[in-house]
Amino acid sequence: MIKYMSTFKEFLIERHQIDSLLEKGYQIKNVRETLDGAFVDFENQEEEEQFITLQIMNADTRKYFGSLIIKQFGIHL
């Protein structure tokens, strides 16, 4: 049970990081999948820090940003 809670907490933290960047106007520009997780590149030309990379470890967060990519590019499944 403790492991499940820590996995869920990890998801919440990673989702919050992604949502915070999207609220500031960042867009997902690139994703690199490795054995160490997914590295998601965000870009916003209007911000001082134009490029930010997040390392995403949680599988549920990977599904989450995958759905955001589909939404961002207007892909209808």
PDB file of N, CA and C in Angstrom:
ATOM      1  N   MET A   1       0.819  -1.198   0.000  1.00  0.00           N
ATOM      2  CA  MET A   1       0.000   0.000   0.000  1.00  0.00           C
ATOM      3  C   MET A   1       0.861   1.258   0.000  1.00  0.00           C
ATOM      4  N   ILE A   2       1.939   1.261   0.732  1.00  0.00           N
ATOM      5  CA  ILE A   2       2.806   2.444   0.791  1.00  0.00           C
ATOM      6  C   ILE A   2       3.408   2.716  -0.581  1.00  0.00           C
ATOM      7  N   LYS A   3       3.848   1.663  -1.285  1.00  0.00           N
ATOM      8  CA  LYS A   3       4.420   1.849  -2.616  1.00  0.00           C
ATOM      9  C   LYS A   3       3.394   2.452  -3.569  1.00  0.00           C
ATOM     10  N   TYR A   4       2.157   2.001  -3.488  1.00  0.00           N
ATOM     11  CA  TYR A   4       1.097   2.537  -4.340  1.00  0.00           C
ATOM     12  C   TYR A   4       0.912   4.025  -4.082  1.00  0.00           C
ATOM     13  N   MET A   5       0.903   4.425  -2.825  1.00  0.00           N
ATOM     14  CA  MET A   5       0.717   5.828  -2.494  1.00  0.00           C
ATOM     15  C   MET A   5       1.883   6.659  -3.007  1.00  0.00           C
ATOM     16  N   SER A   6       3.101   6.163  -2.916  1.00  0.00           N
ATOM     17  CA  SER A   6       4.239   6.937  -3.396  1.00  0.00           C
ATOM     18  C   SER A   6       4.206   7.048  -4.919  1.00  0.00           C
ATOM     19  N   THR A   7       3.727   6.020  -5.600  1.00  0.00           N
ATOM     20  CA  THR A   7       3.589   6.073  -7.055  1.00  0.00           C
ATOM     21  C   THR A   7       2.544   7.097  -7.441  1.00  0.00           C
ATOM     22  N   PHE A   8       1.435   7.125  -6.723  1.00  0.00           N
ATOM     23  CA  PHE A   8       0.389   8.101  -6.999  1.00  0.00           C
ATOM     24  C   PHE A   8       0.882   9.516  -6.708  1.00  0.00           C
ATOM     25  N   LYS A   9       1.615   9.673  -5.614  1.00  0.00           N
ATOM     26  CA  LYS A   9       2.162  10.987  -5.271  1.00  0.00           C
ATOM     27  C   LYS A   9       3.142  11.446  -6.353  1.00  0.00           C
ATOM     28  N   GLU A  10       3.960  10.535  -6.855  1.00  0.00           N
ATOM     29  CA  GLU A  10       4.889  10.860  -7.939  1.00  0.00           C
ATOM     30  C   GLU A  10       4.116  11.345  -9.170  1.00  0.00           C
ATOM     31  N   PHE A  11       3.021  10.662  -9.498  1.00  0.00           N
ATOM     32  CA  PHE A  11       2.177  11.077 -10.617  1.00  0.00           C
ATOM     33  C   PHE A  11       1.644  12.487 -10.405  1.00  0.00           C
ATOM     34  N   LEU A  12       1.141  12.765  -9.205  1.00  0.00           N
ATOM     35  CA  LEU A  12       0.583  14.086  -8.923  1.00  0.00           C
ATOM     36  C   LEU A  12       1.639  15.189  -9.070  1.00  0.00           C
ATOM     37  N   ILE A  13       2.832  14.917  -8.589  1.00  0.00           N
ATOM     38  CA  ILE A  13       3.915  15.905  -8.680  1.00  0.00           C
ATOM     39  C   ILE A  13       4.286  16.160 -10.146  1.00  0.00           C
ATOM     40  N   GLU A  14       4.478  15.085 -10.905  1.00  0.00           N
ATOM     41  CA  GLU A  14       4.857  15.236 -12.314  1.00  0.00           C
ATOM     42  C   GLU A  14       3.738  15.906 -13.115  1.00  0.00           C
ATOM     43  N   ARG A  15       2.493  15.535 -12.855  1.00  0.00           N
ATOM     44  CA  ARG A  15       1.368  16.154 -13.561  1.00  0.00           C
ATOM     45  C   ARG A  15       1.302  17.641 -13.247  1.00  0.00           C
ATOM     46  N   HIS A  16       1.536  18.000 -11.996  1.00  0.00           N
ATOM     47  CA  HIS A  16       1.525  19.413 -11.602  1.00  0.00           C
ATOM     48  C   HIS A  16       2.629  20.193 -12.327  1.00  0.00           C
ATOM     49  N   GLN A  17       3.806  19.600 -12.448  1.00  0.00           N
ATOM     50  CA  GLN A  17       4.898  20.263 -13.161  1.00  0.00           C
ATOM     51  C   GLN A  17       4.513  20.539 -14.614  1.00  0.00           C
ATOM     52  N   ILE A  18       3.924  19.549 -15.264  1.00  0.00           N
ATOM     53  CA  ILE A  18       3.494  19.702 -16.659  1.00  0.00           C
ATOM     54  C   ILE A  18       2.414  20.766 -16.762  1.00  0.00           C
ATOM     55  N   ASP A  19       1.386  20.670 -15.911  1.00  0.00           N
ATOM     56  CA  ASP A  19       0.276  21.618 -15.960  1.00  0.00           C
ATOM     57  C   ASP A  19       0.746  23.052 -15.712  1.00  0.00           C
ATOM     58  N   SER A  20       1.698  23.222 -14.804  1.00  0.00           N
ATOM     59  CA  SER A  20       2.224  24.555 -14.510  1.00  0.00           C
ATOM     60  C   SER A  20       2.894  25.163 -15.737  1.00  0.00           C
ATOM     61  N   LEU A  21       3.666  24.347 -16.457  1.00  0.00           N
ATOM     62  CA  LEU A  21       4.321  24.853 -17.670  1.00  0.00           C
ATOM     63  C   LEU A  21       3.290  25.196 -18.748  1.00  0.00           C
ATOM     64  N   LEU A  22       2.290  24.352 -18.911  1.00  0.00           N
ATOM     65  CA  LEU A  22       1.258  24.613 -19.917  1.00  0.00           C
ATOM     66  C   LEU A  22       0.475  25.875 -19.587  1.00  0.00           C
ATOM     67  N   GLU A  23       0.210  26.112 -18.308  1.00  0.00           N
ATOM     68  CA  GLU A  23      -0.493  27.323 -17.892  1.00  0.00           C
ATOM     69  C   GLU A  23       0.315  28.576 -18.194  1.00  0.00           C
ATOM     70  N   LYS A  24       1.638  28.458 -18.205  1.00  0.00           N
ATOM     71  CA  LYS A  24       2.512  29.595 -18.523  1.00  0.00           C
ATOM     72  C   LYS A  24       2.681  29.776 -20.026  1.00  0.00           C
ATOM     73  N   GLY A  25       2.056  28.919 -20.821  1.00  0.00           N
ATOM     74  CA  GLY A  25       2.121  29.069 -22.270  1.00  0.00           C
ATOM     75  C   GLY A  25       3.141  28.194 -22.966  1.00  0.00           C
ATOM     76  N   TYR A  26       3.797  27.301 -22.231  1.00  0.00           N
ATOM     77  CA  TYR A  26       4.750  26.384 -22.847  1.00  0.00           C
ATOM     78  C   TYR A  26       4.000  25.335 -23.659  1.00  0.00           C
ATOM     79  N   GLN A  27       4.664  24.827 -24.687  1.00  0.00           N
ATOM     80  CA  GLN A  27       4.130  23.736 -25.487  1.00  0.00           C
ATOM     81  C   GLN A  27       5.152  22.611 -25.534  1.00  0.00           C
ATOM     82  N   ILE A  28       4.650  21.395 -25.652  1.00  0.00           N
ATOM     83  CA  ILE A  28       5.526  20.235 -25.778  1.00  0.00           C
ATOM     84  C   ILE A  28       6.126  20.261 -27.179  1.00  0.00           C
ATOM     85  N   LYS A  29       7.457  20.211 -27.247  1.00  0.00           N
ATOM     86  CA  LYS A  29       8.142  20.264 -28.539  1.00  0.00           C
ATOM     87  C   LYS A  29       8.825  18.961 -28.916  1.00  0.00           C
ATOM     88  N   ASN A  30       9.192  18.159 -27.920  1.00  0.00           N
ATOM     89  CA  ASN A  30       9.932  16.935 -28.219  1.00  0.00           C
ATOM     90  C   ASN A  30       9.825  15.984 -27.034  1.00  0.00           C
ATOM     91  N   VAL A  31       9.852  14.694 -27.320  1.00  0.00           N
ATOM     92  CA  VAL A  31       9.857  13.662 -26.275  1.00  0.00           C
ATOM     93  C   VAL A  31      10.919  12.639 -26.635  1.00  0.00           C
ATOM     94  N   ARG A  32      11.770  12.320 -25.673  1.00  0.00           N
ATOM     95  CA  ARG A  32      12.785  11.286 -25.848  1.00  0.00           C
ATOM     96  C   ARG A  32      12.549  10.222 -24.778  1.00  0.00           C
ATOM     97  N   GLU A  33      12.274   9.016 -25.212  1.00  0.00           N
ATOM     98  CA  GLU A  33      12.061   7.895 -24.291  1.00  0.00           C
ATOM     99  C   GLU A  33      13.389   7.165 -24.087  1.00  0.00           C
ATOM    100  N   THR A  34      13.750   6.938 -22.833  1.00  0.00           N
ATOM    101  CA  THR A  34      14.959   6.194 -22.500  1.00  0.00           C
ATOM    102  C   THR A  34      14.625   5.205 -21.383  1.00  0.00           C
ATOM    103  N   LEU A  35      15.598   4.422 -21.000  1.00  0.00           N
ATOM    104  CA  LEU A  35      15.420   3.510 -19.875  1.00  0.00           C
ATOM    105  C   LEU A  35      15.318   4.271 -18.554  1.00  0.00           C
ATOM    106  N   ASP A  36      15.733   5.541 -18.554  1.00  0.00           N
ATOM    107  CA  ASP A  36      15.675   6.381 -17.359  1.00  0.00           C
ATOM    108  C   ASP A  36      14.415   7.231 -17.305  1.00  0.00           C
ATOM    109  N   GLY A  37      13.456   6.968 -18.184  1.00  0.00           N
ATOM    110  CA  GLY A  37      12.225   7.743 -18.210  1.00  0.00           C
ATOM    111  C   GLY A  37      12.082   8.495 -19.521  1.00  0.00           C
ATOM    112  N   ALA A  38      11.064   9.322 -19.569  1.00  0.00           N
ATOM    113  CA  ALA A  38      10.832  10.150 -20.754  1.00  0.00           C
ATOM    114  C   ALA A  38      11.343  11.552 -20.455  1.00  0.00           C
ATOM    115  N   PHE A  39      12.017  12.137 -21.422  1.00  0.00           N
ATOM    116  CA  PHE A  39      12.476  13.509 -21.303  1.00  0.00           C
ATOM    117  C   PHE A  39      11.605  14.347 -22.228  1.00  0.00           C
ATOM    118  N   VAL A  40      10.813  15.232 -21.624  1.00  0.00           N
ATOM    119  CA  VAL A  40       9.845  16.031 -22.371  1.00  0.00           C
ATOM    120  C   VAL A  40      10.359  17.462 -22.444  1.00  0.00           C
ATOM    121  N   ASP A  41      10.545  17.947 -23.673  1.00  0.00           N
ATOM    122  CA  ASP A  41      11.026  19.304 -23.901  1.00  0.00           C
ATOM    123  C   ASP A  41       9.844  20.240 -24.110  1.00  0.00           C
ATOM    124  N   PHE A  42       9.856  21.342 -23.382  1.00  0.00           N
ATOM    125  CA  PHE A  42       8.835  22.369 -23.491  1.00  0.00           C
ATOM    126  C   PHE A  42       9.477  23.644 -24.020  1.00  0.00           C
ATOM    127  N   GLU A  43       8.702  24.415 -24.788  1.00  0.00           N
ATOM    128  CA  GLU A  43       9.222  25.653 -25.348  1.00  0.00           C
ATOM    129  C   GLU A  43       8.175  26.756 -25.218  1.00  0.00           C
ATOM    130  N   ASN A  44       8.659  27.949 -24.884  1.00  0.00           N
ATOM    131  CA  ASN A  44       7.823  29.148 -24.853  1.00  0.00           C
ATOM    132  C   ASN A  44       8.721  30.334 -25.187  1.00  0.00           C
ATOM    133  N   GLN A  45       8.546  30.909 -26.363  1.00  0.00           N
ATOM    134  CA  GLN A  45       9.378  32.018 -26.819  1.00  0.00           C
ATOM    135  C   GLN A  45       9.146  33.293 -26.007  1.00  0.00           C
ATOM    136  N   GLU A  46       8.038  33.373 -25.280  1.00  0.00           N
ATOM    137  CA  GLU A  46       7.688  34.573 -24.523  1.00  0.00           C
ATOM    138  C   GLU A  46       8.342  34.624 -23.136  1.00  0.00           C
ATOM    139  N   GLU A  47       8.846  33.499 -22.675  1.00  0.00           N
ATOM    140  CA  GLU A  47       9.443  33.427 -21.340  1.00  0.00           C
ATOM    141  C   GLU A  47      10.951  33.637 -21.408  1.00  0.00           C
ATOM    142  N   GLU A  48      11.514  34.090 -20.290  1.00  0.00           N
ATOM    143  CA  GLU A  48      12.963  34.274 -20.207  1.00  0.00           C
ATOM    144  C   GLU A  48      13.678  32.928 -20.393  1.00  0.00           C
ATOM    145  N   GLU A  49      13.171  31.915 -19.719  1.00  0.00           N
ATOM    146  CA  GLU A  49      13.695  30.553 -19.891  1.00  0.00           C
ATOM    147  C   GLU A  49      12.836  29.878 -20.963  1.00  0.00           C
ATOM    148  N   GLN A  50      13.302  29.932 -22.208  1.00  0.00           N
ATOM    149  CA  GLN A  50      12.493  29.501 -23.342  1.00  0.00           C
ATOM    150  C   GLN A  50      12.352  27.991 -23.442  1.00  0.00           C
ATOM    151  N   PHE A  51      13.348  27.245 -22.991  1.00  0.00           N
ATOM    152  CA  PHE A  51      13.347  25.790 -23.113  1.00  0.00           C
ATOM    153  C   PHE A  51      13.489  25.150 -21.734  1.00  0.00           C
ATOM    154  N   ILE A  52      12.603  24.223 -21.431  1.00  0.00           N
ATOM    155  CA  ILE A  52      12.643  23.482 -20.171  1.00  0.00           C
ATOM    156  C   ILE A  52      12.442  22.007 -20.499  1.00  0.00           C
ATOM    157  N   THR A  53      13.229  21.153 -19.868  1.00  0.00           N
ATOM    158  CA  THR A  53      13.087  19.713 -20.038  1.00  0.00           C
ATOM    159  C   THR A  53      12.720  19.085 -18.703  1.00  0.00           C
ATOM    160  N   LEU A  54      11.661  18.278 -18.717  1.00  0.00           N
ATOM    161  CA  LEU A  54      11.267  17.517 -17.534  1.00  0.00           C
ATOM    162  C   LEU A  54      11.569  16.044 -17.769  1.00  0.00           C
ATOM    163  N   GLN A  55      12.073  15.380 -16.725  1.00  0.00           N
ATOM    164  CA  GLN A  55      12.240  13.934 -16.780  1.00  0.00           C
ATOM    165  C   GLN A  55      11.014  13.314 -16.126  1.00  0.00           C
ATOM    166  N   ILE A  56      10.285  12.522 -16.882  1.00  0.00           N
ATOM    167  CA  ILE A  56       9.055  11.898 -16.406  1.00  0.00           C
ATOM    168  C   ILE A  56       9.320  10.413 -16.184  1.00  0.00           C
ATOM    169  N   MET A  57       9.123   9.976 -14.954  1.00  0.00           N
ATOM    170  CA  MET A  57       9.403   8.585 -14.591  1.00  0.00           C
ATOM    171  C   MET A  57       8.136   7.740 -14.488  1.00  0.00           C
ATOM    172  N   ASN A  58       7.034   8.351 -14.126  1.00  0.00           N
ATOM    173  CA  ASN A  58       5.808   7.631 -13.810  1.00  0.00           C
ATOM    174  C   ASN A  58       5.046   7.253 -15.081  1.00  0.00           C
ATOM    175  N   ALA A  59       4.604   6.003 -15.163  1.00  0.00           N
ATOM    176  CA  ALA A  59       3.891   5.515 -16.351  1.00  0.00           C
ATOM    177  C   ALA A  59       2.575   6.260 -16.573  1.00  0.00           C
ATOM    178  N   ASP A  60       1.862   6.567 -15.499  1.00  0.00           N
ATOM    179  CA  ASP A  60       0.603   7.294 -15.650  1.00  0.00           C
ATOM    180  C   ASP A  60       0.832   8.715 -16.157  1.00  0.00           C
ATOM    181  N   THR A  61       1.925   9.325 -15.749  1.00  0.00           N
ATOM    182  CA  THR A  61       2.242  10.664 -16.251  1.00  0.00           C
ATOM    183  C   THR A  61       2.602  10.598 -17.725  1.00  0.00           C
ATOM    184  N   ARG A  62       3.250   9.530 -18.147  1.00  0.00           N
ATOM    185  CA  ARG A  62       3.553   9.359 -19.572  1.00  0.00           C
ATOM    186  C   ARG A  62       2.266   9.275 -20.386  1.00  0.00           C
ATOM    187  N   LYS A  63       1.297   8.552 -19.889  1.00  0.00           N
ATOM    188  CA  LYS A  63      -0.005   8.500 -20.567  1.00  0.00           C
ATOM    189  C   LYS A  63      -0.639   9.886 -20.602  1.00  0.00           C
ATOM    190  N   TYR A  64      -0.510  10.609 -19.504  1.00  0.00           N
ATOM    191  CA  TYR A  64      -1.096  11.948 -19.399  1.00  0.00           C
ATOM    192  C   TYR A  64      -0.506  12.890 -20.446  1.00  0.00           C
ATOM    193  N   PHE A  65       0.836  12.972 -20.528  1.00  0.00           N
ATOM    194  CA  PHE A  65       1.392  13.897 -21.509  1.00  0.00           C
ATOM    195  C   PHE A  65       1.162  13.402 -22.932  1.00  0.00           C
ATOM    196  N   GLY A  66       1.005  12.100 -23.102  1.00  0.00           N
ATOM    197  CA  GLY A  66       0.645  11.579 -24.428  1.00  0.00           C
ATOM    198  C   GLY A  66      -0.707  12.113 -24.883  1.00  0.00           C
ATOM    199  N   SER A  67      -1.664  12.141 -23.953  1.00  0.00           N
ATOM    200  CA  SER A  67      -2.988  12.688 -24.301  1.00  0.00           C
ATOM    201  C   SER A  67      -2.906  14.187 -24.565  1.00  0.00           C
ATOM    202  N   LEU A  68      -2.001  14.873 -23.875  1.00  0.00           N
ATOM    203  CA  LEU A  68      -1.823  16.310 -24.116  1.00  0.00           C
ATOM    204  C   LEU A  68      -1.227  16.577 -25.497  1.00  0.00           C
ATOM    205  N   ILE A  69      -0.321  15.712 -25.935  1.00  0.00           N
ATOM    206  CA  ILE A  69       0.261  15.855 -27.270  1.00  0.00           C
ATOM    207  C   ILE A  69      -0.822  15.687 -28.325  1.00  0.00           C
ATOM    208  N   ILE A  70      -1.655  14.696 -28.146  1.00  0.00           N
ATOM    209  CA  ILE A  70      -2.760  14.474 -29.094  1.00  0.00           C
ATOM    210  C   ILE A  70      -3.652  15.703 -29.140  1.00  0.00           C
ATOM    211  N   LYS A  71      -3.976  16.249 -27.986  1.00  0.00           N
ATOM    212  CA  LYS A  71      -4.818  17.444 -27.913  1.00  0.00           C
ATOM    213  C   LYS A  71      -4.110  18.650 -28.535  1.00  0.00           C
ATOM    214  N   GLN A  72      -2.820  18.817 -28.233  1.00  0.00           N
ATOM    215  CA  GLN A  72      -2.050  19.967 -28.717  1.00  0.00           C
ATOM    216  C   GLN A  72      -2.014  20.014 -30.246  1.00  0.00           C
ATOM    217  N   PHE A  73      -1.897  18.857 -30.874  1.00  0.00           N
ATOM    218  CA  PHE A  73      -1.790  18.812 -32.330  1.00  0.00           C
ATOM    219  C   PHE A  73      -3.136  18.594 -33.009  1.00  0.00           C
ATOM    220  N   GLY A  74      -4.210  18.555 -32.217  1.00  0.00           N
ATOM    221  CA  GLY A  74      -5.551  18.453 -32.786  1.00  0.00           C
ATOM    222  C   GLY A  74      -5.820  17.142 -33.503  1.00  0.00           C
ATOM    223  N   ILE A  75      -5.218  16.082 -33.023  1.00  0.00           N
ATOM    224  CA  ILE A  75      -5.395  14.763 -33.624  1.00  0.00           C
ATOM    225  C   ILE A  75      -6.698  14.162 -33.099  1.00  0.00           C
ATOM    226  N   HIS A  76      -7.551  13.722 -33.996  1.00  0.00           N
ATOM    227  CA  HIS A  76      -8.814  13.094 -33.602  1.00  0.00           C
ATOM    228  C   HIS A  76      -8.728  11.608 -33.862  1.00  0.00           C
ATOM    229  N   LEU A  77      -8.854  10.826 -32.819  1.00  0.00           N
ATOM    230  CA  LEU A  77      -8.775   9.377 -32.951  1.00  0.00           C
ATOM    231  C   LEU A  77     -10.151   8.766 -33.094  1.00  0.00           C
TER     232      LEU A  77
END
